[in-house]
């Protein structure tokens, strides 16, 4: 049997022909310190790639009400959704490259494109330029970083996988908080160009720190020649029912998940009459709750099972989006934003934790996860623009949106996706022999 290269540690592990399945499903042995480095490095990467996506609500409000007022809410939402779609669909390429050991190259290329896109955004004044820099360039760069980062952490832990993913992915809302604060505090003082440039310098510093932490294990190790080729797509996955069940459920959850974060500031300003600062503060409250929620709920998943936690968070998130309809005061809206951020935040770290049980071959975990996330990513591409289009019906512009369409769309799609997870649970029991809540 051919030796397999581990991207996180360039050692070769020769698998014996009669290796038990439990051993095949276990990651290579790593020191606790090395695992902490990988979690912290992934935290910094997700701080940038998802943090800027969560902060897009501030960009959305600024673009719609001040910067490019001639563009509709749906048009502007496409900028953020293209970025998030490319971020996830990039796993179709970065997943197999991770399995082949090209993690170092993807860190450098993805970091360069992300910072380049941010700097080009500071020079943009028209919709098409903003779309290409913030949507396309940054999205492609982030797509080379996201799936490999969470896959590396997922393969590095077994019993505490959900906790490790919860800590590392908490970088996403933490980044959303910092970048939202930076944008709103600097935009009135420095203007749009220098605000964006300073955010780009922060990105650069964190990418450098992440590269040092994630590539540290490769120092002094012997460069290995790749002896086994991999395709971008493993056709076996398309014949696997648990793979499709996971993908469909994740699709509907993603369809509604990010949408409230895009429209929270606009809702606060236009429907509740708050200032831009207060509207951004509500978004910050939601993101801060997401940091706490991810850690607490993944600890809960460690003791009670990732699957039951994922189902519960999906159903509760959908219900919360429906309760958004009754938030006719600032106090109620803050409560909604806080609870939604805290509960929905776990929907990011829990799927990769469960997917380790979906994929039957741990050596193809990166490829299968990249394929599943890429298919689900179309939900992130379509969700906010569809919600924006629904909100624009019978409205006269971005300041007069019908938010009932956004609220119903997000709530119903997320609840439906959570119900689909029950089918995945049954398939993992019958097809993979998984017992309990794993």
Protein backbone atom coordinates (compact mmCIF):
# COMPACT_ATOMS: atom_id res chain seq x y z
CA UNK A 1 0.00 0.00 0.00
CA UNK A 2 1.30 3.45 -0.86
CA UNK A 3 2.46 5.69 1.98
CA UNK A 4 0.19 8.58 2.75
CA UNK A 5 1.45 12.09 3.29
CA UNK A 6 -0.06 14.06 6.18
CA UNK A 7 -0.24 17.77 5.35
CA UNK A 8 0.08 18.84 8.96
CA UNK A 9 3.14 16.72 9.70
CA UNK A 10 5.32 15.56 6.83
CA UNK A 11 5.92 12.12 8.21
CA UNK A 12 5.01 8.97 6.35
CA UNK A 13 2.69 6.46 7.93
CA UNK A 14 2.73 2.99 6.38
CA UNK A 15 -0.63 1.33 6.84
CA UNK A 16 -0.54 -2.41 7.32
CA UNK A 17 -2.92 -4.45 5.15
CA UNK A 18 -4.91 -5.61 8.17
CA UNK A 19 -5.06 -2.30 10.00
CA UNK A 20 -8.27 -2.16 12.08
CA UNK A 21 -10.90 0.35 10.98
CA UNK A 22 -10.68 2.24 14.30
CA UNK A 23 -7.02 2.89 13.67
CA UNK A 24 -7.73 4.05 10.13
CA UNK A 25 -10.24 6.53 11.48
CA UNK A 26 -7.75 7.92 14.00
CA UNK A 27 -5.49 10.83 13.07
CA UNK A 28 -1.71 10.57 13.36
CA UNK A 29 -0.32 11.09 16.84
CA UNK A 30 0.45 14.74 17.59
CA UNK A 31 1.68 16.56 20.65
CA UNK A 32 -0.72 18.71 22.59
CA UNK A 33 1.41 21.76 21.84
CA UNK A 34 1.25 21.09 18.11
CA UNK A 35 -2.53 20.75 18.31
CA UNK A 36 -2.75 24.10 20.11
CA UNK A 37 -0.64 25.71 17.38
CA UNK A 38 -2.97 24.35 14.70
CA UNK A 39 -6.10 25.55 16.52
CA UNK A 40 -4.63 29.03 17.04
CA UNK A 41 -3.44 29.23 13.42
CA UNK A 42 -6.89 28.22 12.17
CA UNK A 43 -8.41 30.78 14.55
CA UNK A 44 -6.39 33.55 12.87
CA UNK A 45 -7.33 32.38 9.37
CA UNK A 46 -11.04 32.18 10.19
CA UNK A 47 -10.74 35.54 11.96
CA UNK A 48 -9.98 36.99 8.52
CA UNK A 49 -11.94 34.89 6.05
CA UNK A 50 -15.23 34.59 7.93
CA UNK A 51 -14.78 37.66 10.11
CA UNK A 52 -14.88 39.95 7.08
CA UNK A 53 -17.93 38.09 5.82
CA UNK A 54 -19.75 38.60 9.11
CA UNK A 55 -18.74 42.27 9.05
CA UNK A 56 -20.32 42.69 5.61
CA UNK A 57 -23.51 43.88 7.27
CA UNK A 58 -21.75 47.18 7.98
CA UNK A 59 -20.51 47.34 4.38
CA UNK A 60 -24.03 46.51 3.16
CA UNK A 61 -25.57 49.36 5.14
CA UNK A 62 -22.84 51.85 4.16
CA UNK A 63 -23.00 50.95 0.47
CA UNK A 64 -26.80 51.10 0.34
CA UNK A 65 -27.30 54.32 2.31
CA UNK A 66 -24.14 56.30 1.48
CA UNK A 67 -21.64 54.94 -1.05
CA UNK A 68 -23.43 53.33 -4.02
CA UNK A 69 -27.02 54.35 -3.46
CA UNK A 70 -27.97 53.61 -7.08
CA UNK A 71 -27.55 49.86 -6.42
CA UNK A 72 -30.37 47.82 -4.91
CA UNK A 73 -30.11 45.84 -1.66
CA UNK A 74 -30.08 42.61 -3.66
CA UNK A 75 -27.28 43.89 -5.94
CA UNK A 76 -25.13 44.85 -2.96
CA UNK A 77 -25.82 41.54 -1.21
CA UNK A 78 -24.31 39.75 -4.23
CA UNK A 79 -20.91 41.21 -3.30
CA UNK A 80 -20.89 39.47 0.07
CA UNK A 81 -22.51 36.28 -1.14
CA UNK A 82 -20.04 35.87 -4.02
CA UNK A 83 -17.25 36.22 -1.48
CA UNK A 84 -18.77 33.64 0.88
CA UNK A 85 -19.63 31.30 -2.02
CA UNK A 86 -16.09 31.36 -3.42
CA UNK A 87 -14.82 30.93 0.14
CA UNK A 88 -16.69 27.64 0.49
CA UNK A 89 -16.70 26.37 -3.11
CA UNK A 90 -12.93 26.81 -3.14
CA UNK A 91 -12.86 23.60 -1.11
CA UNK A 92 -13.46 21.73 -4.35
CA UNK A 93 -9.85 22.61 -5.22
CA UNK A 94 -8.28 23.16 -1.81
CA UNK A 95 -9.63 19.90 -0.32
CA UNK A 96 -7.77 17.57 -2.72
CA UNK A 97 -4.69 19.81 -2.58
CA UNK A 98 -4.79 19.46 1.20
CA UNK A 99 -4.87 15.66 0.85
CA UNK A 100 -1.78 15.92 -1.39
CA UNK A 101 0.10 18.06 1.12
CA UNK A 102 0.05 21.47 -0.58
CA UNK A 103 -1.12 23.32 2.51
CA UNK A 104 1.90 25.63 2.58
CA UNK A 105 1.33 26.82 -0.98
CA UNK A 106 -2.36 27.48 -0.31
CA UNK A 107 -1.57 29.53 2.80
CA UNK A 108 0.74 31.84 0.85
CA UNK A 109 -1.48 32.13 -2.25
CA UNK A 110 -4.72 32.56 -0.31
CA UNK A 111 -3.23 35.15 2.04
CA UNK A 112 -1.79 37.15 -0.87
CA UNK A 113 -5.07 37.23 -2.80
CA UNK A 114 -7.08 38.15 0.30
CA UNK A 115 -4.86 41.12 1.18
CA UNK A 116 -4.61 42.16 -2.49
CA UNK A 117 -8.40 42.24 -2.81
CA UNK A 118 -8.72 44.36 0.33
CA UNK A 119 -6.17 46.89 -0.93
CA UNK A 120 -7.86 47.07 -4.33
CA UNK A 121 -11.18 47.66 -2.58
CA UNK A 122 -9.75 50.84 -1.05
CA UNK A 123 -9.37 52.21 -4.61
CA UNK A 124 -12.86 51.18 -5.76
CA UNK A 125 -15.60 53.76 -6.31
CA UNK A 126 -18.06 51.91 -8.56
CA UNK A 127 -20.12 48.77 -8.10
CA UNK A 128 -18.21 46.60 -10.58
CA UNK A 129 -14.84 47.44 -8.96
CA UNK A 130 -16.16 46.68 -5.48
CA UNK A 131 -17.65 43.43 -6.76
CA UNK A 132 -14.37 42.28 -8.35
CA UNK A 133 -12.11 43.22 -5.42
CA UNK A 134 -14.26 42.40 -2.38
CA UNK A 135 -16.37 39.68 -3.94
CA UNK A 136 -14.15 37.82 -6.40
CA UNK A 137 -10.50 38.43 -5.49
CA UNK A 138 -10.95 38.09 -1.73
CA UNK A 139 -13.36 35.19 -2.20
CA UNK A 140 -10.88 33.18 -4.28
CA UNK A 141 -8.11 33.81 -1.77
CA UNK A 142 -10.28 32.84 1.18
CA UNK A 143 -11.39 29.70 -0.66
CA UNK A 144 -7.80 28.43 -0.63
CA UNK A 145 -7.71 28.75 3.16
CA UNK A 146 -11.07 27.80 4.67
CA UNK A 147 -11.63 24.07 4.06
CA UNK A 148 -7.95 23.06 4.56
CA UNK A 149 -7.87 24.91 7.89
CA UNK A 150 -10.90 23.19 9.38
CA UNK A 151 -9.86 19.84 7.86
CA UNK A 152 -6.44 20.07 9.48
CA UNK A 153 -7.98 20.70 12.89
CA UNK A 154 -10.58 17.98 12.33
CA UNK A 155 -7.89 15.39 11.51
CA UNK A 156 -5.76 16.44 14.47
CA UNK A 157 -8.37 15.64 17.13
CA UNK A 158 -10.65 12.68 17.83
CA UNK A 159 -12.38 12.77 21.23
CA UNK A 160 -12.24 16.58 21.45
CA UNK A 161 -12.80 17.34 17.78
CA UNK A 162 -15.98 19.39 18.31
CA UNK A 163 -14.30 21.48 21.02
CA UNK A 164 -11.21 22.14 18.88
CA UNK A 165 -13.37 23.16 15.94
CA UNK A 166 -15.50 25.34 18.21
CA UNK A 167 -12.45 27.22 19.51
CA UNK A 168 -10.86 27.65 16.08
CA UNK A 169 -14.08 28.73 14.34
CA UNK A 170 -14.82 31.22 17.11
CA UNK A 171 -12.26 33.30 15.26
CA UNK A 172 -15.01 34.03 12.71
CA UNK A 173 -17.33 36.07 14.98
CA UNK A 174 -14.31 37.50 16.81
CA UNK A 175 -13.07 38.80 13.47
CA UNK A 176 -16.54 40.06 12.68
CA UNK A 177 -16.50 42.08 15.91
CA UNK A 178 -13.07 43.62 15.36
CA UNK A 179 -13.60 44.45 11.69
CA UNK A 180 -17.07 45.86 12.35
CA UNK A 181 -15.70 48.10 15.12
CA UNK A 182 -12.81 49.21 12.93
CA UNK A 183 -15.09 50.03 10.01
CA UNK A 184 -17.60 52.02 12.03
CA UNK A 185 -15.07 53.88 14.16
CA UNK A 186 -12.76 54.83 11.30
CA UNK A 187 -15.14 55.44 8.40
CA UNK A 188 -16.22 58.90 9.59
CA UNK A 189 -12.69 59.94 10.56
CA UNK A 190 -10.51 58.58 7.79
CA UNK A 191 -12.98 57.92 4.99
CA UNK A 192 -13.58 54.67 3.10
CA UNK A 193 -10.15 54.22 1.40
CA UNK A 194 -7.93 54.42 4.50
CA UNK A 195 -10.41 52.53 6.66
CA UNK A 196 -10.22 49.59 4.27
CA UNK A 197 -6.41 49.84 4.00
CA UNK A 198 -5.99 49.65 7.77
CA UNK A 199 -8.23 46.60 7.85
CA UNK A 200 -6.01 45.12 5.14
CA UNK A 201 -2.89 45.65 7.27
CA UNK A 202 -4.56 43.82 10.17
CA UNK A 203 -5.37 40.97 7.78
CA UNK A 204 -1.76 40.79 6.65
CA UNK A 205 -0.42 40.57 10.19
CA UNK A 206 -2.83 37.79 11.15
CA UNK A 207 -2.10 35.81 7.99
CA UNK A 208 1.62 35.98 8.75
CA UNK A 209 1.01 34.77 12.32
CA UNK A 210 -1.21 31.94 11.04
CA UNK A 211 1.44 30.84 8.53
CA UNK A 212 4.08 30.65 11.26
CA UNK A 213 1.83 28.59 13.55
CA UNK A 214 0.52 26.20 10.89
CA UNK A 215 3.80 25.65 9.07
CA UNK A 216 5.91 25.29 12.19
CA UNK A 217 5.52 21.44 12.22
CA UNK A 218 7.11 21.27 8.75
CA UNK A 219 10.39 22.80 9.89
CA UNK A 220 13.26 20.36 9.70
CA UNK A 221 11.11 17.68 8.08
CA UNK A 222 12.11 15.94 4.91
CA UNK A 223 10.44 17.04 1.65
CA UNK A 224 8.50 14.11 0.28
CA UNK A 225 7.67 13.36 -3.29
CA UNK A 226 3.98 12.83 -3.95
CA UNK A 227 3.50 9.22 -4.94
CA UNK A 228 -0.27 9.03 -5.20
CA UNK A 229 -2.38 11.23 -7.44
CA UNK A 230 -5.75 12.61 -6.45
CA UNK A 231 -8.59 14.01 -8.50
CA UNK A 232 -10.58 17.07 -7.52
CA UNK A 233 -13.75 14.96 -7.36
CA UNK A 234 -14.18 11.49 -5.90
CA UNK A 235 -17.08 9.93 -7.82
CA UNK A 236 -17.68 7.45 -5.01
CA UNK A 237 -19.11 10.29 -2.93
CA UNK A 238 -21.92 10.86 -5.44
CA UNK A 239 -23.10 7.28 -4.88
CA UNK A 240 -23.09 7.63 -1.10
CA UNK A 241 -26.44 8.42 0.57
CA UNK A 242 -24.99 9.86 3.82
CA UNK A 243 -22.87 12.25 1.72
CA UNK A 244 -25.94 13.57 -0.10
CA UNK A 245 -28.01 13.74 3.08
CA UNK A 246 -25.30 15.81 4.78
CA UNK A 247 -24.98 18.10 1.75
CA UNK A 248 -28.72 18.74 1.37
CA UNK A 249 -29.21 19.47 5.07
CA UNK A 250 -26.21 21.78 5.14
CA UNK A 251 -27.49 23.53 1.99
CA UNK A 252 -30.79 24.59 3.58
CA UNK A 253 -29.10 25.61 6.84
CA UNK A 254 -26.61 27.79 4.95
CA UNK A 255 -29.46 29.20 2.85
CA UNK A 256 -30.84 31.06 5.84
CA UNK A 257 -27.91 31.23 8.26
CA UNK A 258 -25.87 34.22 7.03
CA UNK A 259 -28.84 36.35 5.88
CA UNK A 260 -29.76 37.93 9.27
CA UNK A 261 -26.17 39.11 9.77
CA UNK A 262 -26.35 40.98 6.44
CA UNK A 263 -29.56 42.82 7.29
CA UNK A 264 -29.37 43.41 11.07
CA UNK A 265 -27.80 46.92 10.76
CA UNK A 266 -30.18 47.98 7.96
CA UNK A 267 -33.21 46.75 9.97
CA UNK A 268 -32.10 48.68 13.05
CA UNK A 269 -31.60 51.91 11.10
CA UNK A 270 -34.65 51.80 8.83
CA UNK A 271 -37.30 50.03 10.97
CA UNK A 272 -36.28 51.00 14.49
CA UNK A 273 -34.83 54.42 13.70
CA UNK A 274 -31.48 53.87 15.44
CA UNK A 275 -28.22 55.60 14.58
CA UNK A 276 -25.57 53.86 12.46
CA UNK A 277 -23.47 53.37 15.60
CA UNK A 278 -26.31 51.68 17.50
CA UNK A 279 -27.18 49.52 14.48
CA UNK A 280 -23.57 48.34 14.33
CA UNK A 281 -23.57 47.73 18.07
CA UNK A 282 -26.52 45.34 17.68
CA UNK A 283 -24.51 43.43 15.07
CA UNK A 284 -21.55 43.39 17.46
CA UNK A 285 -23.75 41.94 20.21
CA UNK A 286 -24.82 39.17 17.86
CA UNK A 287 -21.22 38.40 16.89
CA UNK A 288 -20.01 38.48 20.51
CA UNK A 289 -22.76 36.04 21.45
CA UNK A 290 -21.61 33.82 18.59
CA UNK A 291 -18.11 33.56 20.11
CA UNK A 292 -19.55 32.45 23.44
CA UNK A 293 -22.14 30.20 21.85
CA UNK A 294 -19.66 28.32 19.69
CA UNK A 295 -17.46 27.42 22.63
CA UNK A 296 -20.30 26.51 25.01
CA UNK A 297 -22.31 24.53 22.46
CA UNK A 298 -19.28 22.62 21.19
CA UNK A 299 -18.45 21.72 24.79
CA UNK A 300 -22.04 20.50 25.05
CA UNK A 301 -21.47 18.52 21.83
CA UNK A 302 -18.36 16.93 23.35
CA UNK A 303 -20.40 15.42 26.18
CA UNK A 304 -23.80 14.94 24.53
CA UNK A 305 -22.86 14.34 20.89
CA UNK A 306 -22.28 16.54 17.84
CA UNK A 307 -25.34 15.27 15.99
CA UNK A 308 -27.90 16.13 18.64
CA UNK A 309 -26.27 19.54 19.08
CA UNK A 310 -26.36 20.24 15.34
CA UNK A 311 -30.05 19.31 15.05
CA UNK A 312 -31.00 21.36 18.10
CA UNK A 313 -29.08 24.45 16.97
CA UNK A 314 -30.60 24.29 13.49
CA UNK A 315 -34.18 24.06 14.75
CA UNK A 316 -33.73 26.79 17.37
CA UNK A 317 -32.03 29.10 14.84
CA UNK A 318 -34.98 28.74 12.47
CA UNK A 319 -37.45 29.47 15.26
CA UNK A 320 -35.49 32.54 16.31
CA UNK A 321 -35.62 33.94 12.77
CA UNK A 322 -39.40 33.63 12.93
CA UNK A 323 -39.52 35.42 16.29
CA UNK A 324 -37.63 38.27 14.59
CA UNK A 325 -41.04 39.22 13.12
CA UNK A 326 -42.23 40.43 16.53
CA UNK A 327 -39.17 42.55 17.34
CA UNK A 328 -40.83 45.97 17.14
CA UNK A 329 -38.59 47.57 19.77
CA UNK A 330 -34.84 47.95 20.16
CA UNK A 331 -34.78 45.86 23.35
CA UNK A 332 -36.51 42.93 21.67
CA UNK A 333 -34.29 43.22 18.62
CA UNK A 334 -31.14 43.13 20.77
CA UNK A 335 -32.42 39.98 22.49
CA UNK A 336 -33.10 38.37 19.12
CA UNK A 337 -29.65 39.31 17.80
CA UNK A 338 -27.91 37.99 20.92
CA UNK A 339 -29.73 34.64 21.02
CA UNK A 340 -29.49 34.12 17.26
CA UNK A 341 -25.76 34.81 17.24
CA UNK A 342 -25.14 32.51 20.19
CA UNK A 343 -27.17 29.55 18.94
CA UNK A 344 -26.54 29.75 15.19
CA UNK A 345 -22.79 30.18 15.69
CA UNK A 346 -22.42 26.46 16.37
CA UNK A 347 -23.71 25.66 12.86
CA UNK A 348 -20.21 26.33 11.49
CA UNK A 349 -17.99 24.02 13.67
CA UNK A 350 -20.50 21.18 14.10
CA UNK A 351 -20.84 20.03 10.43
CA UNK A 352 -17.11 19.21 9.98
CA UNK A 353 -17.21 17.37 13.29
CA UNK A 354 -20.10 15.22 12.07
CA UNK A 355 -18.62 14.81 8.59
CA UNK A 356 -15.71 12.84 10.01
CA UNK A 357 -18.34 10.10 10.55
CA UNK A 358 -19.87 10.59 7.10
CA UNK A 359 -16.65 10.03 5.15
CA UNK A 360 -15.74 6.31 5.23
CA UNK A 361 -12.08 6.87 4.25
CA UNK A 362 -10.12 9.27 6.50
CA UNK A 363 -7.45 9.69 3.80
CA UNK A 364 -10.08 11.32 1.58
CA UNK A 365 -11.61 13.49 4.27
CA UNK A 366 -10.34 16.70 2.68
CA UNK A 367 -11.66 15.79 -0.77
CA UNK A 368 -15.10 14.69 0.42
CA UNK A 369 -15.50 17.64 2.79
CA UNK A 370 -14.44 20.02 0.03
CA UNK A 371 -17.04 18.50 -2.31
CA UNK A 372 -19.83 18.63 0.28
CA UNK A 373 -19.04 22.19 1.31
CA UNK A 374 -18.76 23.26 -2.34
CA UNK A 375 -22.23 21.95 -3.16
CA UNK A 376 -23.66 23.53 -0.02
CA UNK A 377 -21.95 26.81 -0.85
CA UNK A 378 -24.53 27.62 -3.51
CA UNK A 379 -26.87 28.32 -0.58
CA UNK A 380 -24.53 31.04 0.69
CA UNK A 381 -24.45 32.44 -2.84
CA UNK A 382 -28.24 32.54 -3.22
CA UNK A 383 -29.57 33.14 0.30
CA UNK A 384 -29.05 36.88 0.98
CA UNK A 385 -29.84 38.02 -2.60
CA UNK A 386 -33.07 35.99 -2.59
CA UNK A 387 -33.96 37.46 0.80
CA UNK A 388 -33.07 40.92 -0.50
CA UNK A 389 -35.26 40.43 -3.55
CA UNK A 390 -38.17 39.28 -1.35
CA UNK A 391 -37.68 42.32 0.87
CA UNK A 392 -37.67 44.63 -2.16
CA UNK A 393 -41.17 43.61 -3.24
CA UNK A 394 -43.50 46.62 -2.95
CA UNK A 395 -40.64 48.75 -1.55
CA UNK A 396 -39.20 51.99 -2.92
CA UNK A 397 -35.53 51.37 -2.07
CA UNK A 398 -33.05 50.17 0.55
CA UNK A 399 -34.59 52.45 3.18
CA UNK A 400 -38.05 50.89 2.75
CA UNK A 401 -37.46 47.13 2.71
CA UNK A 402 -40.16 44.60 3.57
CA UNK A 403 -38.29 42.56 6.17
CA UNK A 404 -41.07 40.01 6.58
CA UNK A 405 -39.77 38.24 3.47
CA UNK A 406 -36.27 38.04 4.96
CA UNK A 407 -37.54 36.74 8.29
CA UNK A 408 -39.80 34.04 6.84
CA UNK A 409 -37.22 32.95 4.27
CA UNK A 410 -34.43 32.52 6.85
CA UNK A 411 -36.60 30.82 9.44
CA UNK A 412 -38.33 28.31 7.17
CA UNK A 413 -35.21 27.24 5.25
CA UNK A 414 -33.16 26.71 8.41
CA UNK A 415 -35.90 24.72 10.13
CA UNK A 416 -36.29 22.55 7.02
CA UNK A 417 -32.54 21.91 6.88
CA UNK A 418 -32.51 20.88 10.54
CA UNK A 419 -35.29 18.37 9.90
CA UNK A 420 -33.22 16.90 7.06
CA UNK A 421 -30.51 16.15 9.62
CA UNK A 422 -32.78 13.54 11.18
CA UNK A 423 -32.55 11.61 7.91
CA UNK A 424 -28.74 11.87 8.03
CA UNK A 425 -28.79 10.59 11.58
CA UNK A 426 -30.76 7.51 10.46
CA UNK A 427 -28.41 6.86 7.51
CA UNK A 428 -25.32 7.06 9.70
CA UNK A 429 -26.94 4.51 12.00
CA UNK A 430 -27.87 2.09 9.19
CA UNK A 431 -25.05 2.68 6.67
CA UNK A 432 -22.09 3.48 8.93
CA UNK A 433 -23.09 1.60 12.06
CA UNK A 434 -22.90 4.73 14.22
CA UNK A 435 -24.57 4.36 17.60
CA UNK A 436 -25.75 7.11 19.91
CA UNK A 437 -25.16 10.78 19.26
CA UNK A 438 -21.43 10.58 18.34
